[in-house]
C-alpha atoms as a PDB file:
ATOM      1  CA  UNK A   1     -28.022  17.152  49.224  1.00  0.00           C
ATOM      2  CA  UNK A   2     -31.668  16.888  48.311  1.00  0.00           C
ATOM      3  CA  UNK A   3     -33.295  19.226  45.813  1.00  0.00           C
ATOM      4  CA  UNK A   4     -36.144  21.486  46.827  1.00  0.00           C
ATOM      5  CA  UNK A   5     -39.674  20.064  46.627  1.00  0.00           C
ATOM      6  CA  UNK A   6     -40.380  22.510  43.776  1.00  0.00           C
ATOM      7  CA  UNK A   7     -37.424  21.151  41.773  1.00  0.00           C
ATOM      8  CA  UNK A   8     -38.542  17.565  42.434  1.00  0.00           C
ATOM      9  CA  UNK A   9     -42.078  18.448  41.393  1.00  0.00           C
ATOM     10  CA  UNK A  10     -40.726  20.013  38.197  1.00  0.00           C
ATOM     11  CA  UNK A  11     -38.743  16.912  37.264  1.00  0.00           C
ATOM     12  CA  UNK A  12     -41.791  14.765  37.987  1.00  0.00           C
ATOM     13  CA  UNK A  13     -43.999  16.945  35.752  1.00  0.00           C
ATOM     14  CA  UNK A  14     -41.396  16.752  32.980  1.00  0.00           C
ATOM     15  CA  UNK A  15     -41.290  12.926  33.187  1.00  0.00           C
ATOM     16  CA  UNK A  16     -45.092  12.783  33.038  1.00  0.00           C
ATOM     17  CA  UNK A  17     -45.240  15.154  30.058  1.00  0.00           C
ATOM     18  CA  UNK A  18     -42.578  13.215  28.201  1.00  0.00           C
ATOM     19  CA  UNK A  19     -44.283   9.882  29.029  1.00  0.00           C
ATOM     20  CA  UNK A  20     -47.507  11.319  27.579  1.00  0.00           C
ATOM     21  CA  UNK A  21     -45.558  12.191  24.419  1.00  0.00           C
ATOM     22  CA  UNK A  22     -46.474  15.881  24.578  1.00  0.00           C
ATOM     23  CA  UNK A  23     -44.331  18.886  23.762  1.00  0.00           C
ATOM     24  CA  UNK A  24     -44.571  22.028  25.863  1.00  0.00           C
ATOM     25  CA  UNK A  25     -46.642  23.632  23.101  1.00  0.00           C
ATOM     26  CA  UNK A  26     -49.020  20.666  22.979  1.00  0.00           C
ATOM     27  CA  UNK A  27     -49.464  20.703  26.744  1.00  0.00           C
ATOM     28  CA  UNK A  28     -50.119  24.466  26.669  1.00  0.00           C
ATOM     29  CA  UNK A  29     -52.754  23.863  23.981  1.00  0.00           C
ATOM     30  CA  UNK A  30     -54.310  21.086  26.094  1.00  0.00           C
ATOM     31  CA  UNK A  31     -54.544  23.633  28.911  1.00  0.00           C
ATOM     32  CA  UNK A  32     -56.372  25.922  26.475  1.00  0.00           C
ATOM     33  CA  UNK A  33     -53.327  28.224  26.575  1.00  0.00           C
ATOM     34  CA  UNK A  34     -54.069  29.122  30.198  1.00  0.00           C
ATOM     35  CA  UNK A  35     -50.335  28.573  30.715  1.00  0.00           C
ATOM     36  CA  UNK A  36     -47.669  29.409  28.171  1.00  0.00           C
ATOM     37  CA  UNK A  37     -44.886  27.163  26.989  1.00  0.00           C
ATOM     38  CA  UNK A  38     -42.436  29.301  28.988  1.00  0.00           C
ATOM     39  CA  UNK A  39     -44.460  28.919  32.195  1.00  0.00           C
ATOM     40  CA  UNK A  40     -44.573  25.144  31.758  1.00  0.00           C
ATOM     41  CA  UNK A  41     -40.803  25.043  31.230  1.00  0.00           C
ATOM     42  CA  UNK A  42     -40.327  27.154  34.380  1.00  0.00           C
ATOM     43  CA  UNK A  43     -42.421  24.650  36.357  1.00  0.00           C
ATOM     44  CA  UNK A  44     -40.386  21.736  35.017  1.00  0.00           C
ATOM     45  CA  UNK A  45     -37.099  23.464  35.808  1.00  0.00           C
ATOM     46  CA  UNK A  46     -38.239  24.225  39.356  1.00  0.00           C
ATOM     47  CA  UNK A  47     -38.022  27.989  38.816  1.00  0.00           C
ATOM     48  CA  UNK A  48     -41.749  28.507  39.473  1.00  0.00           C
ATOM     49  CA  UNK A  49     -44.221  26.573  41.574  1.00  0.00           C
ATOM     50  CA  UNK A  50     -47.647  26.010  40.024  1.00  0.00           C
ATOM     51  CA  UNK A  51     -50.750  26.812  42.041  1.00  0.00           C
ATOM     52  CA  UNK A  52     -52.649  23.742  43.207  1.00  0.00           C
ATOM     53  CA  UNK A  53     -55.412  24.352  40.651  1.00  0.00           C
ATOM     54  CA  UNK A  54     -52.861  24.679  37.845  1.00  0.00           C
ATOM     55  CA  UNK A  55     -51.075  21.544  39.025  1.00  0.00           C
ATOM     56  CA  UNK A  56     -54.330  19.581  38.951  1.00  0.00           C
ATOM     57  CA  UNK A  57     -55.184  20.901  35.466  1.00  0.00           C
ATOM     58  CA  UNK A  58     -51.724  19.894  34.202  1.00  0.00           C
ATOM     59  CA  UNK A  59     -52.145  16.421  35.680  1.00  0.00           C
ATOM     60  CA  UNK A  60     -55.574  16.138  34.073  1.00  0.00           C
ATOM     61  CA  UNK A  61     -54.162  17.222  30.693  1.00  0.00           C
ATOM     62  CA  UNK A  62     -51.481  14.544  31.099  1.00  0.00           C
ATOM     63  CA  UNK A  63     -54.126  11.902  31.805  1.00  0.00           C
ATOM     64  CA  UNK A  64     -53.179  11.575  35.475  1.00  0.00           C
ATOM     65  CA  UNK A  65     -55.701  11.319  38.293  1.00  0.00           C
ATOM     66  CA  UNK A  66     -55.195  12.312  41.905  1.00  0.00           C
ATOM     67  CA  UNK A  67     -57.013  10.383  44.611  1.00  0.00           C
ATOM     68  CA  UNK A  68     -58.714  12.590  47.170  1.00  0.00           C
ATOM     69  CA  UNK A  69     -57.035  12.758  50.541  1.00  0.00           C
ATOM     70  CA  UNK A  70     -59.137  12.816  53.706  1.00  0.00           C
ATOM     71  CA  UNK A  71     -58.329  15.789  55.936  1.00  0.00           C
ATOM     72  CA  UNK A  72     -57.089  15.092  59.456  1.00  0.00           C
ATOM     73  CA  UNK A  73     -59.669  15.026  62.242  1.00  0.00           C
ATOM     74  CA  UNK A  74     -58.535  18.442  63.488  1.00  0.00           C
ATOM     75  CA  UNK A  75     -59.112  20.068  60.096  1.00  0.00           C
ATOM     76  CA  UNK A  76     -62.775  21.053  60.654  1.00  0.00           C
ATOM     77  CA  UNK A  77     -61.936  22.802  63.952  1.00  0.00           C
ATOM     78  CA  UNK A  78     -58.942  24.560  62.437  1.00  0.00           C
ATOM     79  CA  UNK A  79     -60.977  25.595  59.392  1.00  0.00           C
ATOM     80  CA  UNK A  80     -63.844  26.832  61.574  1.00  0.00           C
ATOM     81  CA  UNK A  81     -61.410  28.924  63.600  1.00  0.00           C
ATOM     82  CA  UNK A  82     -59.852  30.303  60.421  1.00  0.00           C
ATOM     83  CA  UNK A  83     -63.277  31.076  58.932  1.00  0.00           C
ATOM     84  CA  UNK A  84     -64.303  32.851  62.145  1.00  0.00           C
ATOM     85  CA  UNK A  85     -61.093  34.904  62.060  1.00  0.00           C
ATOM     86  CA  UNK A  86     -61.680  35.809  58.409  1.00  0.00           C
ATOM     87  CA  UNK A  87     -65.272  36.826  59.183  1.00  0.00           C
ATOM     88  CA  UNK A  88     -64.034  39.119  61.987  1.00  0.00           C
ATOM     89  CA  UNK A  89     -61.510  40.661  59.606  1.00  0.00           C
ATOM     90  CA  UNK A  90     -64.171  41.165  56.913  1.00  0.00           C
ATOM     91  CA  UNK A  91     -66.545  42.711  59.463  1.00  0.00           C
ATOM     92  CA  UNK A  92     -63.823  45.085  60.673  1.00  0.00           C
ATOM     93  CA  UNK A  93     -63.005  46.011  57.083  1.00  0.00           C
ATOM     94  CA  UNK A  94     -66.691  46.571  56.323  1.00  0.00           C
ATOM     95  CA  UNK A  95     -67.024  48.869  59.333  1.00  0.00           C
ATOM     96  CA  UNK A  96     -63.935  50.783  58.240  1.00  0.00           C
ATOM     97  CA  UNK A  97     -65.280  51.100  54.688  1.00  0.00           C
ATOM     98  CA  UNK A  98     -68.634  52.348  55.996  1.00  0.00           C
ATOM     99  CA  UNK A  99     -66.873  54.927  58.207  1.00  0.00           C
ATOM    100  CA  UNK A 100     -64.766  56.048  55.250  1.00  0.00           C
ATOM    101  CA  UNK A 101     -67.844  56.198  53.000  1.00  0.00           C
ATOM    102  CA  UNK A 102     -69.673  58.428  55.501  1.00  0.00           C
ATOM    103  CA  UNK A 103     -66.586  60.653  55.787  1.00  0.00           C
ATOM    104  CA  UNK A 104     -66.295  61.033  52.008  1.00  0.00           C
ATOM    105  CA  UNK A 105     -70.049  61.643  51.645  1.00  0.00           C
ATOM    106  CA  UNK A 106     -69.859  64.363  54.290  1.00  0.00           C
ATOM    107  CA  UNK A 107     -66.956  66.052  52.497  1.00  0.00           C
ATOM    108  CA  UNK A 108     -68.788  65.840  49.174  1.00  0.00           C
ATOM    109  CA  UNK A 109     -71.876  67.373  50.745  1.00  0.00           C
ATOM    110  CA  UNK A 110     -69.744  70.245  52.024  1.00  0.00           C
ATOM    111  CA  UNK A 111     -68.212  70.761  48.575  1.00  0.00           C
ATOM    112  CA  UNK A 112     -71.652  70.663  46.945  1.00  0.00           C
ATOM    113  CA  UNK A 113     -72.891  73.315  49.357  1.00  0.00           C
ATOM    114  CA  UNK A 114     -69.884  75.501  48.579  1.00  0.00           C
ATOM    115  CA  UNK A 115     -70.480  75.075  44.839  1.00  0.00           C
ATOM    116  CA  UNK A 116     -74.149  76.047  45.264  1.00  0.00           C
ATOM    117  CA  UNK A 117     -73.100  79.200  47.152  1.00  0.00           C
ATOM    118  CA  UNK A 118     -70.589  80.102  44.455  1.00  0.00           C
ATOM    119  CA  UNK A 119     -73.164  79.451  41.732  1.00  0.00           C
ATOM    120  CA  UNK A 120     -75.717  81.612  43.534  1.00  0.00           C
ATOM    121  CA  UNK A 121     -73.190  84.411  43.954  1.00  0.00           C
ATOM    122  CA  UNK A 122     -72.300  84.257  40.254  1.00  0.00           C
ATOM    123  CA  UNK A 123     -76.011  84.334  39.362  1.00  0.00           C
ATOM    124  CA  UNK A 124     -76.423  87.509  41.443  1.00  0.00           C
ATOM    125  CA  UNK A 125     -73.433  89.033  39.699  1.00  0.00           C
ATOM    126  CA  UNK A 126     -71.333  89.061  42.834  1.00  0.00           C
ATOM    127  CA  UNK A 127     -67.634  88.584  42.780  1.00  0.00           C
ATOM    128  CA  UNK A 128     -66.430  85.282  44.111  1.00  0.00           C
END
């Protein structure tokens, strides 16, 4: 049975770190302590999966380079569709936030008016 890709990645990172002659503490220091020794061990043991940016920083700290990969031809269309969907979602959220803002402002205005009436009544010596 084959291990998970995360476990394979972890073993690969461990081999690279050991080949570079670095301890977990040294690698953490090379990463400017962005990741702790314990996090690096968890990656190597396949318990945690590093984000792509973390993975690239670890590779860089280990002196490894990754060649860029050209996206498939369909990538621009798929990305454009995804960007359009995200824009629609952001627009809908913005409209909802604006509606909520107007609602809250209206309630605050009502409370301010009530406070002014209470203040005026107190100034006149009336009971509230």
